[in-house]
N, C-alpha and C. Protein backbone atom coordinates (compact mmCIF):
# COMPACT_ATOMS: atom_id res chain seq x y z
N UNK A 1 0.84 -1.19 0.00
CA UNK A 1 0.00 0.00 0.00
C UNK A 1 0.88 1.24 0.00
N UNK A 2 0.61 2.14 -0.92
CA UNK A 2 1.33 3.41 -0.94
C UNK A 2 0.78 4.32 0.13
N UNK A 3 1.67 5.08 0.75
CA UNK A 3 1.27 6.04 1.77
C UNK A 3 0.69 7.29 1.11
N UNK A 4 1.28 7.70 0.04
CA UNK A 4 0.79 8.91 -0.63
C UNK A 4 -0.23 8.54 -1.71
N UNK A 5 -1.27 9.36 -1.80
CA UNK A 5 -2.33 9.13 -2.78
C UNK A 5 -2.46 10.28 -3.77
N UNK A 6 -1.91 11.41 -3.41
CA UNK A 6 -1.98 12.64 -4.20
C UNK A 6 -3.39 13.25 -4.21
N UNK A 7 -4.36 12.61 -3.56
CA UNK A 7 -5.72 13.14 -3.58
C UNK A 7 -5.84 14.40 -2.73
N UNK A 8 -4.93 14.60 -1.80
CA UNK A 8 -4.97 15.79 -0.96
C UNK A 8 -4.19 16.96 -1.52
N UNK A 9 -3.60 16.78 -2.68
CA UNK A 9 -2.80 17.85 -3.27
C UNK A 9 -3.64 19.07 -3.64
N UNK A 10 -4.95 18.91 -3.68
CA UNK A 10 -5.82 20.05 -3.98
C UNK A 10 -6.31 20.76 -2.72
N UNK A 11 -5.79 20.35 -1.55
CA UNK A 11 -6.17 21.00 -0.30
C UNK A 11 -7.38 20.38 0.38
N UNK A 12 -7.78 19.19 -0.06
CA UNK A 12 -8.90 18.49 0.56
C UNK A 12 -8.42 17.18 1.16
N UNK A 13 -9.26 16.61 2.01
CA UNK A 13 -8.96 15.31 2.61
C UNK A 13 -10.26 14.53 2.75
N UNK A 14 -10.13 13.22 2.91
CA UNK A 14 -11.31 12.35 3.01
C UNK A 14 -11.66 12.07 4.46
N UNK A 15 -12.95 12.05 4.72
CA UNK A 15 -13.46 11.58 6.00
C UNK A 15 -13.67 10.07 5.91
N UNK A 16 -13.86 9.44 7.05
CA UNK A 16 -14.21 8.03 7.08
C UNK A 16 -15.59 7.91 6.45
N UNK A 17 -15.69 7.27 5.32
CA UNK A 17 -16.94 7.21 4.58
C UNK A 17 -16.80 7.80 3.18
N UNK A 18 -15.67 8.52 2.95
CA UNK A 18 -15.38 9.00 1.61
C UNK A 18 -15.68 10.46 1.31
N UNK A 19 -16.46 11.14 2.15
CA UNK A 19 -16.74 12.54 1.89
C UNK A 19 -15.44 13.34 1.95
N UNK A 20 -15.34 14.37 1.11
CA UNK A 20 -14.13 15.19 1.08
C UNK A 20 -14.43 16.58 1.62
N UNK A 21 -13.48 17.08 2.41
CA UNK A 21 -13.58 18.42 2.98
C UNK A 21 -12.26 19.15 2.79
N UNK A 22 -12.32 20.45 2.84
CA UNK A 22 -11.11 21.25 2.81
C UNK A 22 -10.29 20.93 4.07
N UNK A 23 -8.99 20.93 3.94
CA UNK A 23 -8.13 20.60 5.07
C UNK A 23 -8.19 21.62 6.20
N UNK A 24 -8.78 22.79 5.93
CA UNK A 24 -8.93 23.78 7.00
C UNK A 24 -10.36 23.85 7.54
N UNK A 25 -11.18 22.87 7.21
CA UNK A 25 -12.54 22.79 7.71
C UNK A 25 -12.52 22.61 9.23
N UNK A 26 -13.54 23.15 9.91
CA UNK A 26 -13.62 23.01 11.38
C UNK A 26 -13.55 21.54 11.82
N UNK A 27 -14.18 20.66 11.07
CA UNK A 27 -14.17 19.24 11.43
C UNK A 27 -12.75 18.67 11.37
N UNK A 28 -12.03 19.02 10.32
CA UNK A 28 -10.65 18.53 10.18
C UNK A 28 -9.79 19.11 11.30
N UNK A 29 -9.99 20.38 11.62
CA UNK A 29 -9.24 21.01 12.70
C UNK A 29 -9.54 20.33 14.04
N UNK A 30 -10.80 19.99 14.25
CA UNK A 30 -11.19 19.36 15.52
C UNK A 30 -10.54 17.98 15.67
N UNK A 31 -10.66 17.11 14.65
CA UNK A 31 -10.07 15.79 14.85
C UNK A 31 -8.56 15.81 14.66
N UNK A 32 -8.05 16.79 13.95
CA UNK A 32 -6.59 16.93 13.86
C UNK A 32 -5.99 17.31 15.21
N UNK A 33 -6.67 18.14 15.96
CA UNK A 33 -6.19 18.52 17.28
C UNK A 33 -6.33 17.35 18.25
N UNK A 34 -7.35 16.52 18.08
CA UNK A 34 -7.47 15.30 18.88
C UNK A 34 -6.30 14.37 18.57
N UNK A 35 -5.90 14.31 17.31
CA UNK A 35 -4.75 13.49 16.91
C UNK A 35 -3.48 14.01 17.58
N UNK A 36 -3.34 15.34 17.60
CA UNK A 36 -2.19 15.95 18.27
C UNK A 36 -2.19 15.61 19.76
N UNK A 37 -3.35 15.65 20.38
CA UNK A 37 -3.47 15.28 21.79
C UNK A 37 -3.04 13.83 22.00
N UNK A 38 -3.42 12.96 21.08
CA UNK A 38 -3.05 11.56 21.19
C UNK A 38 -1.52 11.39 21.16
N UNK A 39 -0.86 12.16 20.32
CA UNK A 39 0.61 12.12 20.26
C UNK A 39 1.20 12.59 21.59
N UNK A 40 0.63 13.66 22.13
CA UNK A 40 1.12 14.17 23.42
C UNK A 40 0.95 13.15 24.53
N UNK A 41 -0.17 12.43 24.52
CA UNK A 41 -0.39 11.38 25.52
C UNK A 41 0.65 10.28 25.36
N UNK A 42 0.94 9.92 24.12
CA UNK A 42 1.99 8.92 23.87
C UNK A 42 3.34 9.39 24.37
N UNK A 43 3.63 10.67 24.17
CA UNK A 43 4.90 11.23 24.67
C UNK A 43 4.93 11.16 26.19
N UNK A 44 3.85 11.54 26.83
CA UNK A 44 3.79 11.50 28.29
C UNK A 44 4.01 10.08 28.79
N UNK A 45 3.40 9.11 28.15
CA UNK A 45 3.53 7.71 28.55
C UNK A 45 4.91 7.14 28.35
N UNK A 46 5.73 7.79 27.55
CA UNK A 46 7.08 7.30 27.29
C UNK A 46 8.04 7.56 28.45
N UNK A 47 7.69 8.46 29.33
CA UNK A 47 8.57 8.77 30.46
C UNK A 47 8.46 7.69 31.52
N UNK A 48 9.62 7.28 32.03
CA UNK A 48 9.68 6.20 33.02
C UNK A 48 8.79 6.49 34.22
N UNK A 49 8.69 7.75 34.63
CA UNK A 49 7.87 8.10 35.80
C UNK A 49 6.40 7.77 35.56
N UNK A 50 6.00 7.70 34.31
CA UNK A 50 4.62 7.36 33.98
C UNK A 50 4.53 5.89 33.60
N UNK A 51 5.44 5.46 32.72
CA UNK A 51 5.38 4.11 32.17
C UNK A 51 5.49 3.03 33.24
N UNK A 52 6.19 3.30 34.32
CA UNK A 52 6.37 2.29 35.36
C UNK A 52 5.34 2.41 36.47
N UNK A 53 4.43 3.36 36.36
CA UNK A 53 3.45 3.55 37.43
C UNK A 53 2.27 2.61 37.25
N UNK A 54 1.50 2.48 38.31
CA UNK A 54 0.28 1.66 38.25
C UNK A 54 -0.78 2.31 37.37
N UNK A 55 -0.56 3.57 37.00
CA UNK A 55 -1.54 4.29 36.20
C UNK A 55 -1.27 4.21 34.70
N UNK A 56 -0.22 3.50 34.30
CA UNK A 56 0.13 3.43 32.88
C UNK A 56 -1.01 2.84 32.05
N UNK A 57 -1.67 1.81 32.56
CA UNK A 57 -2.78 1.19 31.82
C UNK A 57 -3.94 2.17 31.65
N UNK A 58 -4.20 2.98 32.69
CA UNK A 58 -5.28 3.97 32.60
C UNK A 58 -4.94 5.01 31.54
N UNK A 59 -3.66 5.41 31.47
CA UNK A 59 -3.24 6.38 30.46
C UNK A 59 -3.48 5.80 29.06
N UNK A 60 -3.18 4.52 28.85
CA UNK A 60 -3.40 3.89 27.54
C UNK A 60 -4.89 3.83 27.22
N UNK A 61 -5.71 3.60 28.24
CA UNK A 61 -7.16 3.61 28.04
C UNK A 61 -7.61 4.99 27.56
N UNK A 62 -7.11 6.02 28.22
CA UNK A 62 -7.44 7.39 27.83
C UNK A 62 -6.97 7.65 26.40
N UNK A 63 -5.78 7.19 26.07
CA UNK A 63 -5.25 7.40 24.72
C UNK A 63 -6.15 6.72 23.69
N UNK A 64 -6.61 5.53 23.99
CA UNK A 64 -7.53 4.82 23.08
C UNK A 64 -8.85 5.58 22.96
N UNK A 65 -9.33 6.11 24.08
CA UNK A 65 -10.56 6.92 24.04
C UNK A 65 -10.40 8.11 23.09
N UNK A 66 -9.29 8.80 23.23
CA UNK A 66 -9.05 9.99 22.39
C UNK A 66 -9.04 9.59 20.91
N UNK A 67 -8.43 8.45 20.61
CA UNK A 67 -8.42 7.97 19.23
C UNK A 67 -9.85 7.67 18.77
N UNK A 68 -10.63 7.03 19.63
CA UNK A 68 -12.03 6.71 19.29
C UNK A 68 -12.84 7.98 19.05
N UNK A 69 -12.70 8.97 19.94
CA UNK A 69 -13.41 10.24 19.75
C UNK A 69 -13.01 10.86 18.42
N UNK A 70 -11.72 10.82 18.10
CA UNK A 70 -11.26 11.38 16.83
C UNK A 70 -11.91 10.69 15.64
N UNK A 71 -12.07 9.37 15.73
CA UNK A 71 -12.71 8.65 14.62
C UNK A 71 -14.17 9.08 14.46
N UNK A 72 -14.83 9.40 15.55
CA UNK A 72 -16.21 9.89 15.46
C UNK A 72 -16.26 11.28 14.82
N UNK A 73 -15.29 12.11 15.15
CA UNK A 73 -15.24 13.44 14.53
C UNK A 73 -14.91 13.35 13.04
N UNK A 74 -14.20 12.29 12.64
CA UNK A 74 -13.80 12.12 11.24
C UNK A 74 -14.88 11.41 10.42
N UNK A 75 -16.05 11.24 11.01
CA UNK A 75 -17.13 10.51 10.33
C UNK A 75 -18.43 11.30 10.41
N UNK A 76 -19.01 11.58 9.25
CA UNK A 76 -20.31 12.26 9.25
C UNK A 76 -21.41 11.37 8.70
N UNK A 77 -21.03 10.26 8.12
CA UNK A 77 -21.99 9.31 7.56
C UNK A 77 -22.59 8.49 8.70
N UNK A 78 -23.91 8.62 8.91
CA UNK A 78 -24.58 7.95 10.03
C UNK A 78 -24.39 6.43 9.99
N UNK A 79 -24.41 5.86 8.81
CA UNK A 79 -24.23 4.40 8.70
C UNK A 79 -22.82 3.99 9.12
N UNK A 80 -21.84 4.80 8.76
CA UNK A 80 -20.44 4.49 9.11
C UNK A 80 -20.20 4.60 10.62
N UNK A 81 -20.90 5.52 11.27
CA UNK A 81 -20.68 5.69 12.72
C UNK A 81 -21.06 4.45 13.52
N UNK A 82 -21.94 3.63 12.97
CA UNK A 82 -22.33 2.39 13.65
C UNK A 82 -21.16 1.42 13.81
N UNK A 83 -20.14 1.59 12.99
CA UNK A 83 -19.00 0.68 13.00
C UNK A 83 -17.82 1.21 13.84
N UNK A 84 -18.00 2.36 14.44
CA UNK A 84 -16.92 2.98 15.21
C UNK A 84 -16.91 2.52 16.66
N UNK A 85 -15.73 2.48 17.26
CA UNK A 85 -15.66 2.11 18.69
C UNK A 85 -16.28 3.22 19.53
N UNK A 86 -16.92 2.84 20.61
CA UNK A 86 -17.52 3.84 21.49
C UNK A 86 -16.67 4.02 22.74
N UNK A 87 -16.86 5.12 23.40
CA UNK A 87 -16.22 5.40 24.68
C UNK A 87 -17.29 5.18 25.74
N UNK A 88 -16.99 4.36 26.75
CA UNK A 88 -18.02 4.09 27.77
C UNK A 88 -18.52 5.37 28.43
N UNK A 89 -19.82 5.43 28.65
CA UNK A 89 -20.41 6.62 29.27
C UNK A 89 -19.92 6.79 30.70
N UNK A 90 -19.33 5.76 31.27
CA UNK A 90 -18.82 5.82 32.65
C UNK A 90 -17.42 6.43 32.74
N UNK A 91 -16.81 6.70 31.60
CA UNK A 91 -15.41 7.13 31.62
C UNK A 91 -15.21 8.45 32.36
N UNK A 92 -16.11 9.41 32.20
CA UNK A 92 -15.96 10.68 32.90
C UNK A 92 -15.97 10.44 34.40
N UNK A 93 -16.87 9.58 34.88
CA UNK A 93 -16.91 9.25 36.31
C UNK A 93 -15.62 8.54 36.74
N UNK A 94 -15.07 7.70 35.89
CA UNK A 94 -13.79 7.03 36.20
C UNK A 94 -12.67 8.07 36.33
N UNK A 95 -12.68 9.06 35.42
CA UNK A 95 -11.66 10.11 35.50
C UNK A 95 -11.84 10.91 36.79
N UNK A 96 -13.08 11.22 37.14
CA UNK A 96 -13.33 11.97 38.37
C UNK A 96 -12.85 11.20 39.60
N UNK A 97 -13.08 9.90 39.62
CA UNK A 97 -12.63 9.07 40.74
C UNK A 97 -11.10 9.07 40.82
N UNK A 98 -10.44 8.97 39.66
CA UNK A 98 -8.98 8.99 39.62
C UNK A 98 -8.47 10.34 40.12
N UNK A 99 -9.07 11.42 39.63
CA UNK A 99 -8.68 12.78 40.05
C UNK A 99 -8.83 12.92 41.56
N UNK A 100 -9.97 12.52 42.09
CA UNK A 100 -10.22 12.66 43.53
C UNK A 100 -9.22 11.87 44.35
N UNK A 101 -8.94 10.64 43.93
CA UNK A 101 -7.99 9.79 44.68
C UNK A 101 -6.59 10.39 44.67
N UNK A 102 -6.13 10.82 43.53
CA UNK A 102 -4.78 11.39 43.43
C UNK A 102 -4.70 12.74 44.14
N UNK A 103 -5.73 13.55 43.96
CA UNK A 103 -5.72 14.89 44.54
C UNK A 103 -5.72 14.84 46.06
N UNK A 104 -6.36 13.84 46.62
CA UNK A 104 -6.43 13.70 48.08
C UNK A 104 -5.05 13.55 48.70
N UNK A 105 -4.14 12.92 47.97
CA UNK A 105 -2.79 12.67 48.48
C UNK A 105 -1.84 13.83 48.24
N UNK A 106 -2.29 14.84 47.52
CA UNK A 106 -1.42 15.98 47.16
C UNK A 106 -1.57 17.11 48.16
N UNK A 107 -0.52 17.93 48.28
CA UNK A 107 -0.66 19.11 49.15
C UNK A 107 -1.72 20.05 48.59
N UNK A 108 -2.37 20.76 49.47
CA UNK A 108 -3.41 21.71 49.05
C UNK A 108 -2.79 22.76 48.13
N UNK A 109 -3.47 23.03 47.05
CA UNK A 109 -2.99 24.01 46.07
C UNK A 109 -3.35 25.40 46.57
N UNK A 110 -2.33 26.22 46.78
CA UNK A 110 -2.55 27.56 47.33
C UNK A 110 -2.26 28.66 46.33
N UNK A 111 -1.58 28.34 45.23
CA UNK A 111 -1.32 29.33 44.19
C UNK A 111 -1.06 28.61 42.89
N UNK A 112 -0.98 29.38 41.81
CA UNK A 112 -0.73 28.79 40.50
C UNK A 112 0.65 28.15 40.48
N UNK A 113 0.77 27.09 39.66
CA UNK A 113 2.08 26.47 39.48
C UNK A 113 2.44 26.55 37.99
N UNK A 114 3.73 26.57 37.75
CA UNK A 114 4.24 26.65 36.38
C UNK A 114 4.66 25.26 35.91
N UNK A 115 4.46 24.96 34.64
CA UNK A 115 4.92 23.68 34.11
C UNK A 115 6.45 23.62 34.16
N UNK A 116 6.97 22.54 34.66
CA UNK A 116 8.41 22.37 34.67
C UNK A 116 8.88 21.51 35.82
N UNK A 117 10.19 21.31 35.86
CA UNK A 117 10.80 20.56 36.94
C UNK A 117 11.17 19.15 36.56
N UNK A 118 10.40 18.51 35.74
CA UNK A 118 10.67 17.14 35.28
C UNK A 118 9.99 16.97 33.92
N UNK A 119 10.63 16.27 32.98
CA UNK A 119 10.03 16.12 31.64
C UNK A 119 8.64 15.48 31.66
N UNK A 120 8.39 14.54 32.56
CA UNK A 120 7.06 13.92 32.63
C UNK A 120 6.01 14.93 33.07
N UNK A 121 6.38 15.82 33.98
CA UNK A 121 5.46 16.86 34.44
C UNK A 121 5.13 17.79 33.29
N UNK A 122 6.14 18.20 32.54
CA UNK A 122 5.93 19.09 31.40
C UNK A 122 5.03 18.39 30.36
N UNK A 123 5.26 17.09 30.15
CA UNK A 123 4.44 16.35 29.19
C UNK A 123 2.98 16.32 29.62
N UNK A 124 2.72 16.18 30.93
CA UNK A 124 1.34 16.18 31.42
C UNK A 124 0.70 17.54 31.19
N UNK A 125 1.46 18.61 31.42
CA UNK A 125 0.92 19.96 31.17
C UNK A 125 0.68 20.18 29.67
N UNK A 126 1.56 19.64 28.85
CA UNK A 126 1.37 19.75 27.40
C UNK A 126 0.07 19.04 26.99
N UNK A 127 -0.18 17.88 27.58
CA UNK A 127 -1.44 17.18 27.32
C UNK A 127 -2.62 18.04 27.74
N UNK A 128 -2.49 18.68 28.89
CA UNK A 128 -3.58 19.53 29.40
C UNK A 128 -3.91 20.66 28.44
N UNK A 129 -2.89 21.37 27.95
CA UNK A 129 -3.19 22.53 27.11
C UNK A 129 -3.65 22.12 25.71
N UNK A 130 -3.12 21.01 25.19
CA UNK A 130 -3.60 20.54 23.89
C UNK A 130 -5.03 20.02 24.03
N UNK A 131 -5.33 19.41 25.17
CA UNK A 131 -6.70 18.97 25.45
C UNK A 131 -7.65 20.16 25.47
N UNK A 132 -7.24 21.25 26.11
CA UNK A 132 -8.08 22.46 26.14
C UNK A 132 -8.29 23.01 24.73
N UNK A 133 -7.24 22.96 23.90
CA UNK A 133 -7.40 23.43 22.52
C UNK A 133 -8.35 22.50 21.76
N UNK A 134 -8.24 21.19 22.00
CA UNK A 134 -9.18 20.25 21.38
C UNK A 134 -10.61 20.59 21.77
N UNK A 135 -10.79 20.88 23.04
CA UNK A 135 -12.13 21.24 23.52
C UNK A 135 -12.65 22.47 22.79
N UNK A 136 -11.80 23.49 22.63
CA UNK A 136 -12.23 24.70 21.92
C UNK A 136 -12.58 24.40 20.46
N UNK A 137 -11.79 23.54 19.82
CA UNK A 137 -12.05 23.20 18.41
C UNK A 137 -13.36 22.42 18.28
N UNK A 138 -13.60 21.51 19.21
CA UNK A 138 -14.83 20.72 19.17
C UNK A 138 -16.04 21.63 19.40
N UNK A 139 -15.94 22.54 20.35
CA UNK A 139 -17.04 23.48 20.61
C UNK A 139 -17.30 24.35 19.37
N UNK A 140 -16.25 24.81 18.72
CA UNK A 140 -16.42 25.61 17.50
C UNK A 140 -17.13 24.79 16.42
N UNK A 141 -16.75 23.54 16.27
CA UNK A 141 -17.42 22.67 15.30
C UNK A 141 -18.89 22.49 15.67
N UNK A 142 -19.16 22.34 16.95
CA UNK A 142 -20.52 22.10 17.42
C UNK A 142 -21.47 23.27 17.23
N UNK A 143 -20.95 24.44 16.94
CA UNK A 143 -21.83 25.58 16.68
C UNK A 143 -22.65 25.38 15.40
N UNK A 144 -22.09 24.64 14.45
CA UNK A 144 -22.76 24.48 13.16
C UNK A 144 -23.04 23.03 12.78
N UNK A 145 -22.41 22.10 13.48
CA UNK A 145 -22.58 20.69 13.12
C UNK A 145 -22.79 19.86 14.38
N UNK A 146 -23.27 18.67 14.18
CA UNK A 146 -23.48 17.76 15.30
C UNK A 146 -22.14 17.17 15.74
N UNK A 147 -21.91 17.20 17.04
CA UNK A 147 -20.71 16.58 17.60
C UNK A 147 -21.15 15.43 18.50
N UNK A 148 -20.27 14.49 18.74
CA UNK A 148 -20.65 13.34 19.57
C UNK A 148 -21.10 13.77 20.97
N UNK A 149 -22.20 13.20 21.42
CA UNK A 149 -22.70 13.48 22.78
C UNK A 149 -21.66 13.07 23.80
N UNK A 150 -21.44 13.92 24.75
CA UNK A 150 -20.51 13.62 25.83
C UNK A 150 -19.07 14.01 25.58
N UNK A 151 -18.74 14.39 24.37
CA UNK A 151 -17.34 14.69 24.05
C UNK A 151 -16.83 15.93 24.77
N UNK A 152 -17.61 16.99 24.82
CA UNK A 152 -17.15 18.22 25.48
C UNK A 152 -16.91 17.97 26.96
N UNK A 153 -17.83 17.28 27.62
CA UNK A 153 -17.65 16.95 29.05
C UNK A 153 -16.41 16.08 29.24
N UNK A 154 -16.21 15.13 28.34
CA UNK A 154 -15.04 14.26 28.41
C UNK A 154 -13.76 15.09 28.34
N UNK A 155 -13.67 15.98 27.37
CA UNK A 155 -12.46 16.78 27.21
C UNK A 155 -12.26 17.73 28.38
N UNK A 156 -13.34 18.28 28.89
CA UNK A 156 -13.24 19.18 30.04
C UNK A 156 -12.66 18.44 31.24
N UNK A 157 -13.16 17.25 31.51
CA UNK A 157 -12.65 16.46 32.63
C UNK A 157 -11.23 15.97 32.36
N UNK A 158 -10.95 15.64 31.11
CA UNK A 158 -9.62 15.13 30.78
C UNK A 158 -8.55 16.18 31.04
N UNK A 159 -8.83 17.43 30.74
CA UNK A 159 -7.83 18.47 31.01
C UNK A 159 -7.60 18.60 32.51
N UNK A 160 -8.67 18.45 33.31
CA UNK A 160 -8.51 18.44 34.77
C UNK A 160 -7.64 17.26 35.21
N UNK A 161 -7.88 16.11 34.59
CA UNK A 161 -7.11 14.92 34.92
C UNK A 161 -5.62 15.16 34.66
N UNK A 162 -5.28 15.77 33.53
CA UNK A 162 -3.87 16.01 33.22
C UNK A 162 -3.24 17.02 34.18
N UNK A 163 -4.02 17.98 34.65
CA UNK A 163 -3.49 18.91 35.64
C UNK A 163 -3.13 18.17 36.94
N UNK A 164 -4.06 17.36 37.42
CA UNK A 164 -3.78 16.60 38.64
C UNK A 164 -2.66 15.59 38.40
N UNK A 165 -2.62 15.02 37.20
CA UNK A 165 -1.55 14.07 36.89
C UNK A 165 -0.20 14.77 36.94
N UNK A 166 -0.13 16.00 36.48
CA UNK A 166 1.14 16.74 36.53
C UNK A 166 1.57 16.93 37.98
N UNK A 167 0.63 17.25 38.84
CA UNK A 167 0.94 17.42 40.27
C UNK A 167 1.35 16.08 40.90
N UNK A 168 0.65 15.03 40.51
CA UNK A 168 1.00 13.69 41.00
C UNK A 168 2.42 13.32 40.57
N UNK A 169 2.79 13.69 39.35
CA UNK A 169 4.13 13.38 38.85
C UNK A 169 5.21 14.18 39.58
N UNK A 170 4.88 15.40 39.98
CA UNK A 170 5.81 16.15 40.81
C UNK A 170 6.14 15.33 42.05
N UNK A 171 5.10 14.84 42.72
CA UNK A 171 5.30 14.07 43.94
C UNK A 171 6.02 12.76 43.66
N UNK A 172 5.63 12.07 42.59
CA UNK A 172 6.21 10.76 42.27
C UNK A 172 7.68 10.85 41.90
N UNK A 173 8.08 11.96 41.30
CA UNK A 173 9.48 12.12 40.89
C UNK A 173 10.30 12.87 41.94
N UNK A 174 9.65 13.32 43.00
CA UNK A 174 10.36 14.09 44.03
C UNK A 174 10.78 15.46 43.54
N UNK A 175 10.08 15.97 42.55
CA UNK A 175 10.40 17.27 41.98
C UNK A 175 9.46 18.32 42.57
N UNK A 176 10.00 19.35 43.19
CA UNK A 176 9.11 20.38 43.77
C UNK A 176 8.32 21.12 42.68
N UNK A 177 7.10 21.48 43.03
CA UNK A 177 6.30 22.28 42.12
C UNK A 177 6.91 23.68 42.03
N UNK A 178 6.83 24.26 40.84
CA UNK A 178 7.34 25.61 40.62
C UNK A 178 6.17 26.57 40.79
N UNK A 179 6.17 27.31 41.86
CA UNK A 179 5.06 28.22 42.14
C UNK A 179 5.25 29.51 41.35
N UNK A 180 4.14 29.98 40.81
CA UNK A 180 4.15 31.21 40.04
C UNK A 180 4.29 32.39 41.00
N UNK A 181 5.20 33.26 40.65
CA UNK A 181 5.38 34.50 41.42
C UNK A 181 5.06 35.66 40.49
N UNK A 182 4.12 36.48 40.91
CA UNK A 182 3.69 37.58 40.03
C UNK A 182 4.78 38.59 39.79
N UNK A 183 5.72 38.69 40.72
CA UNK A 183 6.85 39.60 40.55
C UNK A 183 8.14 38.83 40.82
N UNK A 184 8.73 38.31 39.72
CA UNK A 184 9.97 37.51 39.91
C UNK A 184 11.13 38.30 40.48
């Protein structure tokens, strides 16, 4: 199978189902940003502080969810959507339980913190901000088109999860949090 098809040389791309859209269409931007988020999650998972933790399997589950959501955004044909993997409706509650459990063990947050201190921490923050951008792109798409039910809530909670994960990684790596100072 050839990787290049030349069909996108005119500035369009195919959705799952064959429909073609401009590469700068809101739908393409939305699932393209989800794809970027998926790469960031993979990068985060590559760090030993994450890969060796008991939470590595949960991170892979989240990564699979993000891929599944992206496939839904890349599909507008109702018949084709029947063949796509779904994300369990319980996942947001699972993320909330994970957030609550990890957050309980962390010191109380008294001021803003800056990303940094350990590469795994920075990767978690990168996931958080790309997740927020994904959320904005999905909301923009939803102004004019149908978006998958539950996706916005999922992304909103996921960005919270990555914030708490960054704090958890500070503790797990023994790296102090970098507190923001308004006047350095």
